[in-house]
Structure formats: C-alpha cells, structure tokens
Amino acid sequence: MDHAADAVTTGPPTAAPGAAGYGVAGDEGREQFVLRALKSRADMDACVTLQRATWGETYEDCVPASILKVSQLVGGVCAGAFAPDGRLVGFVYGLTGLRAGRLVHWSHMLAVLPEYRNHGVGRRLKQYQRDVLHGLGVETIEWTFDPLVARNAHLNLNRLGATVDAYVPDMYGDTGSALHAFGTDRLIVSWPVAEGVVVRDATQLPESWRRASWAEDAAADASPLRIEIPRDVESMAVAEARAWRERTREAFLRTLGVGYRVAAFMPGSATCAYIMVRKEGKGAE
C-alpha cells in the first residue's frame, strides 16, 4: 500500500484570511508536530483515549483499537498529530470504499485536544489524509460536520475549500455524547483529492452577499440568502442551541431543496452566516 506521506513534520500554520479568530496560530502554535499513521497498540489506545476526551466517557460510537488497526489494511486512514513530547494531540480516521465503481473515502472522525485547537492541527491532518489517499487513487473524500459549529464550518469551507452536498437531519441519532445534546443534524461535504486546496477568503465576498437577506424573511426566488448561526453554539444552554437547530434546519432543507447551494461561510463577531445562492440554471445569483 503506497502511503505517500508516512511521516511529516510540520511547523506553525499561517493565519487564515478572514478567520475572525478561527484557525489563527498564537504563540503556542509555534511548536512542531509530527504527522504519521497510527501503527502500534499504544498509538491505537491513545486514539481511543482522545476520542473519549473529545466526545465523553458516555459516547457510544467510539471506534475501538482493533478497527482503527485493521481498516488501514484495506485503504482506511488513521493518522495522528504528535507533539514534540510524543503525545497524540489530534487524529483523523476514515474508511475507503467504492461508489459507482470509483474509490471514495469517508472521513469519519477528526479530533484535536482543546489546547491545540486554532493552531492549524486539524487542517494539517486533513491535508495529510488527502496526500495518503491520492497515492491510493482515491478521487473524493467526504465527511460531515455540524452546521451550527462555526469553527468547523470555517475549517471545512474556508480553509479546506470543501463543497456542501446535502443536509441530513439527525444523521447519527443519540450517541450518548454531551456534545450532541442539541441533535446530530449534519452537512455532508465533498473534497476532490486531485485538485489543490482552494482557500476561500471570507473578507473578499461580494457586497451583495454580505447584505443578503435572512432566508426566513426573503422572497421565494431571492438570491443570495443568508442562514445565520451563533459564533459559539457549544457555550449555549441546550434549549437555546436546540432553538437554533430547529430554525436553521428548516432554512437549510428549504433552500437546498429548491435549488440553492452553499456558496460561502462568513465568520462574524456575534453570529456567522452561510451564504446561499441559486445554482446555475435555477435563477440569477
């Protein structure tokens, strides 16, 4: 199996344009990280521990060490970011399969310890994953993220340049994790492996996009539209977060269902926004 990037040492990331606080390296981000496949039993056990630290001890969908190991024998990727002291501080995990005769990778998990977030570790893990999969002939990587979590939207849409394909209500059901207390609605995104990373600069959006109307208030054929989310939903009370979920779920399902696409994600100080535009042939943007 041709793992194109078996071990990579990375330095500090650069700040993302328009990040508004997301993905910006501080002084702590100056240290080096080693990115490599998880190989030993100790590596796998550390990954399980990191899953528990991220999603909680009651999380029911934790991937066990045995699956982390054997899935790599058939095109899966399980890679970690290691700090200079050898500690696993982040990992990415996914499975490779066939769809309509083409290789597709489902990136199931990405987690970084809280003290190492906003230092570019997640982005570099995704790029490492992409390099490995390019060597295997995989054409597309797909994964999900919670549309209410602004930092993940910024990473996936602005820093990585992934494209939103669908909105799925309650995709994973009740997982037992406190992080999922306000539901598991997800956006499915795709990321072509062969193409270069397209970094989207949220500060350079057209003025008409910045002034877009909220989807609930706009005329039926208006474009562009905006779907707002809180900047930090994870700090909210569960009831308040669920209210945001219900409001945005209806907006995403309605707009995507009648021919809109997610064209951009715009960070903000209090709220952030997805910019929705009509697909070509569905009306003017």
Protein backbone atom coordinates (compact mmCIF):
# COMPACT_ATOMS: atom_id res chain seq x y z
CA MET A 1 0.00 0.00 0.00
CA ASP A 2 1.56 3.28 -1.13
CA HIS A 3 1.30 5.71 1.77
CA ALA A 4 2.62 8.83 0.08
CA ALA A 5 3.37 10.67 3.32
CA ASP A 6 4.31 8.16 6.00
CA ALA A 7 5.65 10.77 8.43
CA VAL A 8 5.61 14.53 8.02
CA THR A 9 6.96 17.20 10.36
CA THR A 10 5.04 20.45 10.17
CA GLY A 11 5.74 23.89 11.54
CA PRO A 12 3.38 26.63 12.64
CA PRO A 13 0.40 27.41 10.39
CA THR A 14 -0.30 30.79 8.89
CA ALA A 15 -3.40 32.75 9.74
CA ALA A 16 -6.42 32.22 7.54
CA PRO A 17 -7.72 35.24 5.66
CA GLY A 18 -10.98 36.40 7.15
CA ALA A 19 -10.66 33.99 10.02
CA ALA A 20 -12.16 36.34 12.62
CA GLY A 21 -10.45 34.31 15.32
CA TYR A 22 -10.68 30.88 13.73
CA GLY A 23 -7.60 28.95 12.63
CA VAL A 24 -5.13 31.60 13.77
CA ALA A 25 -1.89 30.43 15.33
CA GLY A 26 -0.86 32.02 18.59
CA ASP A 27 2.49 31.71 20.34
CA GLU A 28 1.66 28.13 21.36
CA GLY A 29 1.28 27.22 17.68
CA ARG A 30 4.99 27.69 17.02
CA GLU A 31 5.94 24.18 18.07
CA GLN A 32 6.44 21.39 15.55
CA PHE A 33 4.10 18.45 15.06
CA VAL A 34 4.83 15.06 13.52
CA LEU A 35 2.02 13.67 11.39
CA ARG A 36 2.09 9.92 10.79
CA ALA A 37 -0.04 6.80 10.61
CA LEU A 38 -1.04 5.20 13.91
CA LYS A 39 0.69 1.83 13.95
CA SER A 40 1.36 0.44 17.42
CA ARG A 41 -1.12 -0.74 20.02
CA ALA A 42 -0.06 2.24 22.12
CA ASP A 43 -0.95 4.55 19.21
CA MET A 44 -4.40 2.97 18.89
CA ASP A 45 -5.06 3.12 22.63
CA ALA A 46 -4.06 6.79 22.67
CA CYS A 47 -6.53 7.43 19.85
CA VAL A 48 -9.34 5.76 21.80
CA THR A 49 -8.43 7.87 24.82
CA LEU A 50 -8.54 11.03 22.69
CA GLN A 51 -11.98 10.03 21.40
CA ARG A 52 -13.21 9.70 24.98
CA ALA A 53 -11.64 13.05 25.90
CA THR A 54 -13.42 14.70 22.96
CA TRP A 55 -16.88 13.11 22.93
CA GLY A 56 -17.05 11.98 26.58
CA GLU A 57 -16.96 8.72 28.51
CA THR A 58 -20.63 8.02 27.69
CA TYR A 59 -20.06 8.29 23.92
CA GLU A 60 -21.45 5.11 22.34
CA ASP A 61 -19.86 5.34 18.87
CA CYS A 62 -16.19 5.22 19.87
CA VAL A 63 -14.10 3.33 17.25
CA PRO A 64 -12.13 0.57 19.02
CA ALA A 65 -8.41 -0.01 18.64
CA SER A 66 -8.90 -3.20 16.63
CA ILE A 67 -10.95 -1.42 13.93
CA LEU A 68 -8.54 1.51 13.83
CA LYS A 69 -5.81 -1.03 13.03
CA VAL A 70 -7.45 -3.41 10.54
CA SER A 71 -9.18 -0.72 8.50
CA GLN A 72 -5.74 0.57 7.49
CA LEU A 73 -5.08 -2.79 5.80
CA VAL A 74 -7.83 -2.11 3.24
CA GLY A 75 -7.36 1.55 2.37
CA GLY A 76 -8.52 3.19 5.58
CA VAL A 77 -6.59 6.09 7.07
CA CYS A 78 -5.85 6.52 10.76
CA ALA A 79 -3.25 9.21 11.35
CA GLY A 80 -2.20 11.34 14.27
CA ALA A 81 -0.52 14.61 15.11
CA PHE A 82 2.17 14.19 17.75
CA ALA A 83 3.60 16.99 19.88
CA PRO A 84 7.38 17.20 20.49
CA ASP A 85 6.95 15.22 23.71
CA GLY A 86 5.40 12.34 21.75
CA ARG A 87 1.84 12.93 22.96
CA LEU A 88 -1.01 12.36 20.50
CA VAL A 89 -2.83 15.70 20.27
CA GLY A 90 -5.07 15.07 17.27
CA PHE A 91 -6.15 12.35 14.86
CA VAL A 92 -8.12 11.75 11.68
CA TYR A 93 -9.81 8.46 10.80
CA GLY A 94 -11.76 7.24 7.79
CA LEU A 95 -12.73 4.30 5.57
CA THR A 96 -12.32 3.80 1.84
CA GLY A 97 -14.95 2.16 -0.36
CA LEU A 98 -16.50 2.03 -3.81
CA ARG A 99 -19.38 4.07 -5.20
CA ALA A 100 -20.41 3.52 -8.80
CA GLY A 101 -17.04 1.88 -9.45
CA ARG A 102 -14.99 4.80 -8.07
CA LEU A 103 -12.92 4.98 -4.90
CA VAL A 104 -14.41 7.27 -2.25
CA HIS A 105 -13.09 7.87 1.25
CA TRP A 106 -15.46 8.56 4.15
CA SER A 107 -13.58 10.60 6.74
CA HIS A 108 -15.44 9.56 9.86
CA MET A 109 -13.59 11.33 12.68
CA LEU A 110 -11.33 14.32 13.28
CA ALA A 111 -10.46 15.48 16.78
CA VAL A 112 -7.87 17.77 18.35
CA LEU A 113 -7.24 18.34 22.04
CA PRO A 114 -8.73 21.69 23.17
CA GLU A 115 -5.37 23.28 23.98
CA TYR A 116 -4.14 22.60 20.42
CA ARG A 117 -7.20 23.89 18.55
CA ASN A 118 -6.94 27.02 16.38
CA HIS A 119 -3.30 26.14 15.65
CA GLY A 120 -3.93 24.52 12.27
CA VAL A 121 -3.59 20.94 13.53
CA GLY A 122 -6.94 19.81 12.11
CA ARG A 123 -6.22 21.38 8.74
CA ARG A 124 -2.82 19.70 8.51
CA LEU A 125 -4.30 16.33 9.46
CA LYS A 126 -6.84 16.66 6.64
CA GLN A 127 -4.09 17.56 4.17
CA TYR A 128 -2.00 14.59 5.32
CA GLN A 129 -5.05 12.35 4.85
CA ARG A 130 -5.53 13.75 1.35
CA ASP A 131 -1.89 13.08 0.41
CA VAL A 132 -2.17 9.45 1.54
CA LEU A 133 -5.41 8.91 -0.36
CA HIS A 134 -4.01 10.49 -3.52
CA GLY A 135 -1.38 7.77 -3.52
CA LEU A 136 -4.13 5.13 -3.30
CA GLY A 137 -6.04 6.51 -6.28
CA VAL A 138 -8.99 7.80 -4.25
CA GLU A 139 -10.89 10.52 -6.11
CA THR A 140 -13.07 12.10 -3.42
CA ILE A 141 -13.14 12.49 0.36
CA GLU A 142 -16.47 13.00 2.07
CA TRP A 143 -17.38 13.75 5.67
CA THR A 144 -19.92 15.52 7.83
CA PHE A 145 -19.88 18.42 10.25
CA ASP A 146 -22.42 20.13 12.47
CA PRO A 147 -23.68 23.24 10.63
CA LEU A 148 -24.11 25.06 13.95
CA VAL A 149 -20.43 24.79 14.92
CA ALA A 150 -18.85 27.87 13.34
CA ARG A 151 -15.20 26.89 13.83
CA ASN A 152 -15.79 23.63 11.93
CA ALA A 153 -17.65 25.43 9.15
CA HIS A 154 -14.72 27.83 8.79
CA LEU A 155 -12.20 24.97 8.66
CA ASN A 156 -14.13 22.84 6.20
CA LEU A 157 -15.46 25.51 3.84
CA ASN A 158 -12.91 28.33 4.04
CA ARG A 159 -9.62 26.70 5.00
CA LEU A 160 -10.06 23.40 3.09
CA GLY A 161 -12.46 24.52 0.36
CA ALA A 162 -14.87 21.58 0.69
CA THR A 163 -18.27 21.72 -1.03
CA VAL A 164 -21.61 21.12 0.69
CA ASP A 165 -23.59 18.31 -0.94
CA ALA A 166 -26.52 17.73 1.43
CA TYR A 167 -28.14 18.44 4.79
CA VAL A 168 -29.17 15.39 6.82
CA PRO A 169 -31.39 15.78 9.92
CA ASP A 170 -30.40 13.67 12.94
CA MET A 171 -27.77 11.75 10.99
CA TYR A 172 -26.25 9.86 13.92
CA GLY A 173 -29.15 9.78 16.36
CA ASP A 174 -28.50 9.64 20.10
CA THR A 175 -24.79 8.89 20.57
CA GLY A 176 -24.63 9.39 24.31
CA SER A 177 -22.25 12.36 23.91
CA ALA A 178 -22.97 15.65 25.65
CA LEU A 179 -21.62 17.38 22.52
CA HIS A 180 -24.65 16.02 20.67
CA ALA A 181 -27.25 17.17 23.21
CA PHE A 182 -28.81 19.54 20.66
CA GLY A 183 -29.01 16.88 17.93
CA THR A 184 -26.85 15.43 15.20
CA ASP A 185 -28.03 17.25 12.09
CA ARG A 186 -25.12 17.34 9.67
CA LEU A 187 -23.92 18.85 6.42
CA ILE A 188 -22.25 16.33 4.09
CA VAL A 189 -19.29 17.80 2.24
CA SER A 190 -17.01 16.53 -0.51
CA TRP A 191 -13.37 17.33 -1.25
CA PRO A 192 -11.77 16.31 -4.58
CA VAL A 193 -8.44 14.63 -3.90
CA ALA A 194 -6.63 15.53 -7.11
CA GLU A 195 -7.42 19.26 -7.01
CA GLY A 196 -5.40 21.73 -5.00
CA VAL A 197 -6.77 23.21 -1.79
CA VAL A 198 -8.98 26.20 -2.55
CA VAL A 199 -8.76 28.62 0.38
CA ARG A 200 -11.79 30.90 0.44
CA ASP A 201 -11.18 34.41 1.73
CA ALA A 202 -14.29 35.44 3.67
CA THR A 203 -13.16 39.09 3.63
CA GLN A 204 -13.45 39.27 -0.17
CA LEU A 205 -17.09 38.30 -0.64
CA PRO A 206 -19.28 40.37 -2.98
CA GLU A 207 -21.10 43.18 -1.21
CA SER A 208 -24.45 41.71 -2.30
CA TRP A 209 -23.57 38.53 -0.38
CA ARG A 210 -22.69 40.50 2.73
CA ARG A 211 -26.06 42.26 2.58
CA ALA A 212 -28.03 39.09 1.82
CA SER A 213 -31.43 38.72 3.49
CA TRP A 214 -32.10 36.10 6.13
CA ALA A 215 -33.64 33.07 4.40
CA GLU A 216 -36.82 33.22 6.51
CA ASP A 217 -37.57 36.82 5.51
CA ALA A 218 -36.69 36.79 1.82
CA ALA A 219 -38.91 36.42 -1.22
CA ALA A 220 -39.25 32.90 -2.59
CA ASP A 221 -36.87 33.49 -5.53
CA ALA A 222 -34.38 35.83 -3.84
CA SER A 223 -30.64 35.21 -4.22
CA PRO A 224 -28.33 35.45 -2.38
CA LEU A 225 -29.73 34.50 1.03
CA ARG A 226 -28.10 34.04 4.41
CA ILE A 227 -28.56 31.43 7.12
CA GLU A 228 -27.19 32.70 10.40
CA ILE A 229 -25.69 30.60 13.20
CA PRO A 230 -24.23 31.58 16.59
CA ARG A 231 -20.48 32.09 16.81
CA ASP A 232 -20.17 29.64 19.72
CA VAL A 233 -23.15 27.30 19.96
CA GLU A 234 -21.27 24.93 22.27
CA SER A 235 -21.27 27.51 25.06
CA MET A 236 -25.06 27.93 24.92
CA ALA A 237 -27.70 26.30 27.07
CA VAL A 238 -29.10 23.18 25.39
CA ALA A 239 -32.56 24.69 24.96
CA GLU A 240 -31.15 27.75 23.19
CA ALA A 241 -28.96 25.59 20.94
CA ARG A 242 -31.96 23.42 20.04
CA ALA A 243 -33.92 26.52 19.05
CA TRP A 244 -31.09 27.46 16.67
CA ARG A 245 -31.15 23.89 15.35
CA GLU A 246 -34.85 23.98 14.53
CA ARG A 247 -34.61 27.37 12.85
CA THR A 248 -31.59 26.55 10.72
CA ARG A 249 -32.76 23.03 9.85
CA GLU A 250 -35.88 24.42 8.21
CA ALA A 251 -33.85 27.06 6.35
CA PHE A 252 -31.26 24.59 5.01
CA LEU A 253 -33.80 21.99 3.95
CA ARG A 254 -35.98 24.56 2.20
CA THR A 255 -33.22 26.38 0.34
CA LEU A 256 -31.21 23.30 -0.67
CA GLY A 257 -34.45 21.61 -1.70
CA VAL A 258 -35.39 24.32 -4.21
CA GLY A 259 -32.05 24.71 -5.95
CA TYR A 260 -29.76 26.78 -3.74
CA ARG A 261 -26.18 25.88 -2.82
CA VAL A 262 -23.86 26.92 -0.01
CA ALA A 263 -21.57 29.42 -1.72
CA ALA A 264 -19.64 30.76 1.27
CA PHE A 265 -19.29 30.87 5.02
CA MET A 266 -18.88 34.27 6.62
CA PRO A 267 -17.47 34.44 10.19
CA GLY A 268 -18.63 37.21 12.49
CA SER A 269 -18.22 38.54 16.00
CA ALA A 270 -21.64 37.51 17.38
CA THR A 271 -23.18 35.48 14.60
CA CYS A 272 -21.80 33.86 11.46
CA ALA A 273 -23.59 33.14 8.20
CA TYR A 274 -23.81 30.65 5.36
CA ILE A 275 -24.41 32.43 2.05
CA MET A 276 -26.89 30.58 -0.16
CA VAL A 277 -27.09 31.29 -3.90
CA ARG A 278 -29.14 29.81 -6.70
CA LYS A 279 -27.42 27.08 -8.69
CA GLU A 280 -26.77 27.82 -12.34
CA GLY A 281 -29.96 27.40 -14.29
CA LYS A 282 -32.06 27.87 -11.15
CA GLY A 283 -32.17 31.67 -11.24
CA ALA A 284 -29.78 34.56 -11.04
CA GLU A 285 -27.22 34.84 -8.28
